[in-house]
Amino acid sequence: MGIMNRGVVYGLWDYSNDNSDELAFHEGDCMTIVRREDEDEIEWWWARMGETEGYIPRNLLGEPPSLHQQKPPELL
């Protein structure tokens, strides 16, 4: 995750930042991974959402929904 789809990931749950270098997001928000783990940190990734960047907890992220996984629209 965070490598395919041009680094695009989605928030699976809401997250409120605890520190100023963290990025707050809501369920469904789209973010782009700028930098994955380094030698000091493997659970947090650096991401961009709009014009804002910050650390995000990778365990709250998911991949973009696949077109094959989407439910067909209901017919009236």
N, C-alpha and C. Protein backbone atom coordinates (compact mmCIF):
# COMPACT_ATOMS: atom_id res chain seq x y z
N MET A 1 0.84 -1.17 0.00
CA MET A 1 0.00 0.00 0.00
C MET A 1 0.89 1.24 0.00
N GLY A 2 0.42 2.28 -0.65
CA GLY A 2 1.19 3.51 -0.70
C GLY A 2 2.22 3.54 -1.80
N ILE A 3 2.34 2.43 -2.55
CA ILE A 3 3.27 2.38 -3.67
C ILE A 3 2.47 2.38 -4.97
N MET A 4 1.50 1.48 -5.05
CA MET A 4 0.66 1.41 -6.23
C MET A 4 -0.30 2.60 -6.24
N ASN A 5 -1.00 2.77 -7.33
CA ASN A 5 -2.00 3.84 -7.47
C ASN A 5 -1.40 5.22 -7.24
N ARG A 6 -0.14 5.38 -7.66
CA ARG A 6 0.57 6.66 -7.53
C ARG A 6 0.62 7.15 -6.09
N GLY A 7 0.63 6.22 -5.16
CA GLY A 7 0.73 6.58 -3.75
C GLY A 7 -0.55 7.08 -3.13
N VAL A 8 -1.68 6.94 -3.84
CA VAL A 8 -2.95 7.43 -3.32
C VAL A 8 -3.53 6.42 -2.33
N VAL A 9 -3.91 6.92 -1.17
CA VAL A 9 -4.56 6.11 -0.13
C VAL A 9 -5.77 6.88 0.39
N TYR A 10 -6.62 6.17 1.11
CA TYR A 10 -7.84 6.77 1.66
C TYR A 10 -7.90 6.49 3.16
N GLY A 11 -8.46 7.45 3.88
CA GLY A 11 -8.68 7.25 5.31
C GLY A 11 -9.80 6.25 5.54
N LEU A 12 -9.55 5.22 6.34
CA LEU A 12 -10.58 4.24 6.66
C LEU A 12 -11.42 4.68 7.85
N TRP A 13 -10.87 5.54 8.69
CA TRP A 13 -11.55 6.08 9.86
C TRP A 13 -11.12 7.53 10.03
N ASP A 14 -11.81 8.26 10.86
CA ASP A 14 -11.41 9.63 11.20
C ASP A 14 -10.17 9.57 12.08
N TYR A 15 -9.31 10.58 11.91
CA TYR A 15 -8.12 10.69 12.76
C TYR A 15 -7.91 12.15 13.11
N SER A 16 -7.84 12.46 14.40
CA SER A 16 -7.53 13.81 14.88
C SER A 16 -6.06 13.84 15.26
N ASN A 17 -5.36 14.83 14.73
CA ASN A 17 -3.92 14.90 15.01
C ASN A 17 -3.66 15.26 16.46
N ASP A 18 -2.68 14.58 17.05
CA ASP A 18 -2.26 14.85 18.42
C ASP A 18 -1.09 15.82 18.47
N ASN A 19 -0.32 15.89 17.38
CA ASN A 19 0.87 16.75 17.31
C ASN A 19 0.79 17.62 16.06
N SER A 20 1.52 18.71 16.07
CA SER A 20 1.46 19.67 14.97
C SER A 20 2.02 19.12 13.66
N ASP A 21 2.85 18.07 13.72
CA ASP A 21 3.41 17.51 12.49
C ASP A 21 2.57 16.35 11.94
N GLU A 22 1.39 16.12 12.53
CA GLU A 22 0.49 15.07 12.06
C GLU A 22 -0.64 15.68 11.23
N LEU A 23 -1.15 14.89 10.31
CA LEU A 23 -2.21 15.32 9.41
C LEU A 23 -3.54 14.72 9.87
N ALA A 24 -4.50 15.55 10.20
CA ALA A 24 -5.84 15.07 10.57
C ALA A 24 -6.61 14.75 9.30
N PHE A 25 -7.45 13.70 9.36
CA PHE A 25 -8.27 13.36 8.19
C PHE A 25 -9.55 12.68 8.63
N HIS A 26 -10.48 12.58 7.69
CA HIS A 26 -11.76 11.93 7.94
C HIS A 26 -11.86 10.67 7.10
N GLU A 27 -12.75 9.80 7.49
CA GLU A 27 -13.01 8.59 6.71
C GLU A 27 -13.34 8.98 5.26
N GLY A 28 -12.65 8.35 4.32
CA GLY A 28 -12.87 8.62 2.91
C GLY A 28 -11.99 9.69 2.31
N ASP A 29 -11.25 10.45 3.14
CA ASP A 29 -10.36 11.48 2.60
C ASP A 29 -9.26 10.83 1.77
N CYS A 30 -8.93 11.47 0.66
CA CYS A 30 -7.90 10.99 -0.25
C CYS A 30 -6.58 11.70 0.07
N MET A 31 -5.51 10.93 0.21
CA MET A 31 -4.18 11.47 0.50
C MET A 31 -3.15 10.82 -0.41
N THR A 32 -2.04 11.49 -0.61
CA THR A 32 -0.94 10.95 -1.41
C THR A 32 0.26 10.74 -0.50
N ILE A 33 0.80 9.53 -0.52
CA ILE A 33 1.98 9.23 0.28
C ILE A 33 3.20 9.88 -0.36
N VAL A 34 3.88 10.71 0.40
CA VAL A 34 5.09 11.39 -0.07
C VAL A 34 6.32 10.59 0.33
N ARG A 35 6.31 10.06 1.55
CA ARG A 35 7.45 9.29 2.05
C ARG A 35 6.94 8.19 2.97
N ARG A 36 7.40 7.00 2.72
CA ARG A 36 7.03 5.87 3.57
C ARG A 36 8.02 5.76 4.71
N GLU A 37 8.05 4.63 5.36
CA GLU A 37 8.87 4.42 6.55
C GLU A 37 10.34 4.79 6.34
N ASP A 38 11.00 5.13 7.43
CA ASP A 38 12.45 5.36 7.42
C ASP A 38 13.06 4.55 8.56
N GLU A 39 14.32 4.78 8.85
CA GLU A 39 15.00 3.98 9.87
C GLU A 39 14.46 4.22 11.28
N ASP A 40 13.82 5.36 11.50
CA ASP A 40 13.30 5.68 12.83
C ASP A 40 11.81 5.40 12.99
N GLU A 41 11.08 5.40 11.90
CA GLU A 41 9.61 5.31 12.01
C GLU A 41 9.04 4.43 10.91
N ILE A 42 8.33 3.36 11.32
CA ILE A 42 7.73 2.48 10.32
C ILE A 42 6.20 2.50 10.37
N GLU A 43 5.63 3.00 11.45
CA GLU A 43 4.17 3.00 11.60
C GLU A 43 3.51 4.28 11.10
N TRP A 44 4.30 5.29 10.81
CA TRP A 44 3.78 6.58 10.35
C TRP A 44 4.39 6.92 9.00
N TRP A 45 3.56 7.40 8.08
CA TRP A 45 4.02 7.83 6.75
C TRP A 45 3.77 9.32 6.60
N TRP A 46 4.58 9.96 5.77
CA TRP A 46 4.41 11.38 5.48
C TRP A 46 3.50 11.48 4.26
N ALA A 47 2.43 12.27 4.37
CA ALA A 47 1.44 12.34 3.29
C ALA A 47 1.03 13.77 3.02
N ARG A 48 0.42 13.96 1.85
CA ARG A 48 -0.10 15.26 1.44
C ARG A 48 -1.60 15.12 1.19
N MET A 49 -2.35 16.08 1.71
CA MET A 49 -3.78 16.17 1.42
C MET A 49 -4.06 17.62 1.08
N GLY A 50 -4.33 17.88 -0.19
CA GLY A 50 -4.48 19.26 -0.64
C GLY A 50 -3.14 19.96 -0.54
N GLU A 51 -3.10 21.06 0.16
CA GLU A 51 -1.87 21.83 0.35
C GLU A 51 -1.18 21.52 1.67
N THR A 52 -1.72 20.59 2.44
CA THR A 52 -1.21 20.28 3.77
C THR A 52 -0.47 18.95 3.77
N GLU A 53 0.63 18.89 4.51
CA GLU A 53 1.41 17.66 4.66
C GLU A 53 1.61 17.36 6.13
N GLY A 54 1.79 16.07 6.43
CA GLY A 54 2.07 15.66 7.79
C GLY A 54 2.12 14.15 7.91
N TYR A 55 2.46 13.69 9.11
CA TYR A 55 2.50 12.26 9.38
C TYR A 55 1.08 11.72 9.53
N ILE A 56 0.87 10.50 9.03
CA ILE A 56 -0.41 9.81 9.20
C ILE A 56 -0.13 8.38 9.65
N PRO A 57 -0.98 7.83 10.51
CA PRO A 57 -0.78 6.44 10.96
C PRO A 57 -1.20 5.48 9.85
N ARG A 58 -0.29 4.65 9.40
CA ARG A 58 -0.56 3.80 8.24
C ARG A 58 -1.63 2.75 8.50
N ASN A 59 -1.87 2.40 9.75
CA ASN A 59 -2.88 1.39 10.04
C ASN A 59 -4.31 1.91 9.87
N LEU A 60 -4.49 3.20 9.61
CA LEU A 60 -5.81 3.76 9.38
C LEU A 60 -6.06 4.06 7.91
N LEU A 61 -5.21 3.51 7.03
CA LEU A 61 -5.28 3.81 5.60
C LEU A 61 -5.72 2.61 4.79
N GLY A 62 -6.32 2.88 3.64
CA GLY A 62 -6.71 1.83 2.71
C GLY A 62 -6.45 2.27 1.29
N GLU A 63 -6.53 1.32 0.37
CA GLU A 63 -6.30 1.60 -1.04
C GLU A 63 -7.58 2.14 -1.67
N PRO A 64 -7.43 2.79 -2.83
CA PRO A 64 -8.62 3.28 -3.53
C PRO A 64 -9.56 2.13 -3.86
N PRO A 65 -10.86 2.38 -3.81
CA PRO A 65 -11.80 1.31 -4.14
C PRO A 65 -11.66 0.90 -5.60
N SER A 66 -11.73 -0.38 -5.85
CA SER A 66 -11.64 -0.91 -7.21
C SER A 66 -12.99 -0.79 -7.89
N LEU A 67 -12.97 -0.53 -9.18
CA LEU A 67 -14.21 -0.47 -9.93
C LEU A 67 -14.94 -1.80 -9.89
N HIS A 68 -14.19 -2.89 -9.79
CA HIS A 68 -14.79 -4.22 -9.76
C HIS A 68 -15.45 -4.51 -8.42
N GLN A 69 -15.07 -3.79 -7.38
CA GLN A 69 -15.62 -4.03 -6.06
C GLN A 69 -16.86 -3.18 -5.77
N GLN A 70 -17.09 -2.17 -6.60
CA GLN A 70 -18.21 -1.29 -6.34
C GLN A 70 -19.52 -2.00 -6.67
N LYS A 71 -20.54 -1.70 -5.89
CA LYS A 71 -21.85 -2.29 -6.13
C LYS A 71 -22.50 -1.60 -7.33
N PRO A 72 -23.20 -2.35 -8.16
CA PRO A 72 -23.90 -1.71 -9.28
C PRO A 72 -25.03 -0.83 -8.76
N PRO A 73 -25.35 0.24 -9.48
CA PRO A 73 -26.44 1.11 -9.02
C PRO A 73 -27.76 0.35 -9.06
N GLU A 74 -28.62 0.69 -8.12
CA GLU A 74 -29.92 0.04 -8.06
C GLU A 74 -30.82 0.58 -9.16
N LEU A 75 -31.55 -0.31 -9.76
CA LEU A 75 -32.50 0.10 -10.79
C LEU A 75 -33.82 0.48 -10.15
N LEU A 76 -34.43 1.50 -10.66
CA LEU A 76 -35.73 1.94 -10.12
C LEU A 76 -36.85 1.13 -10.71
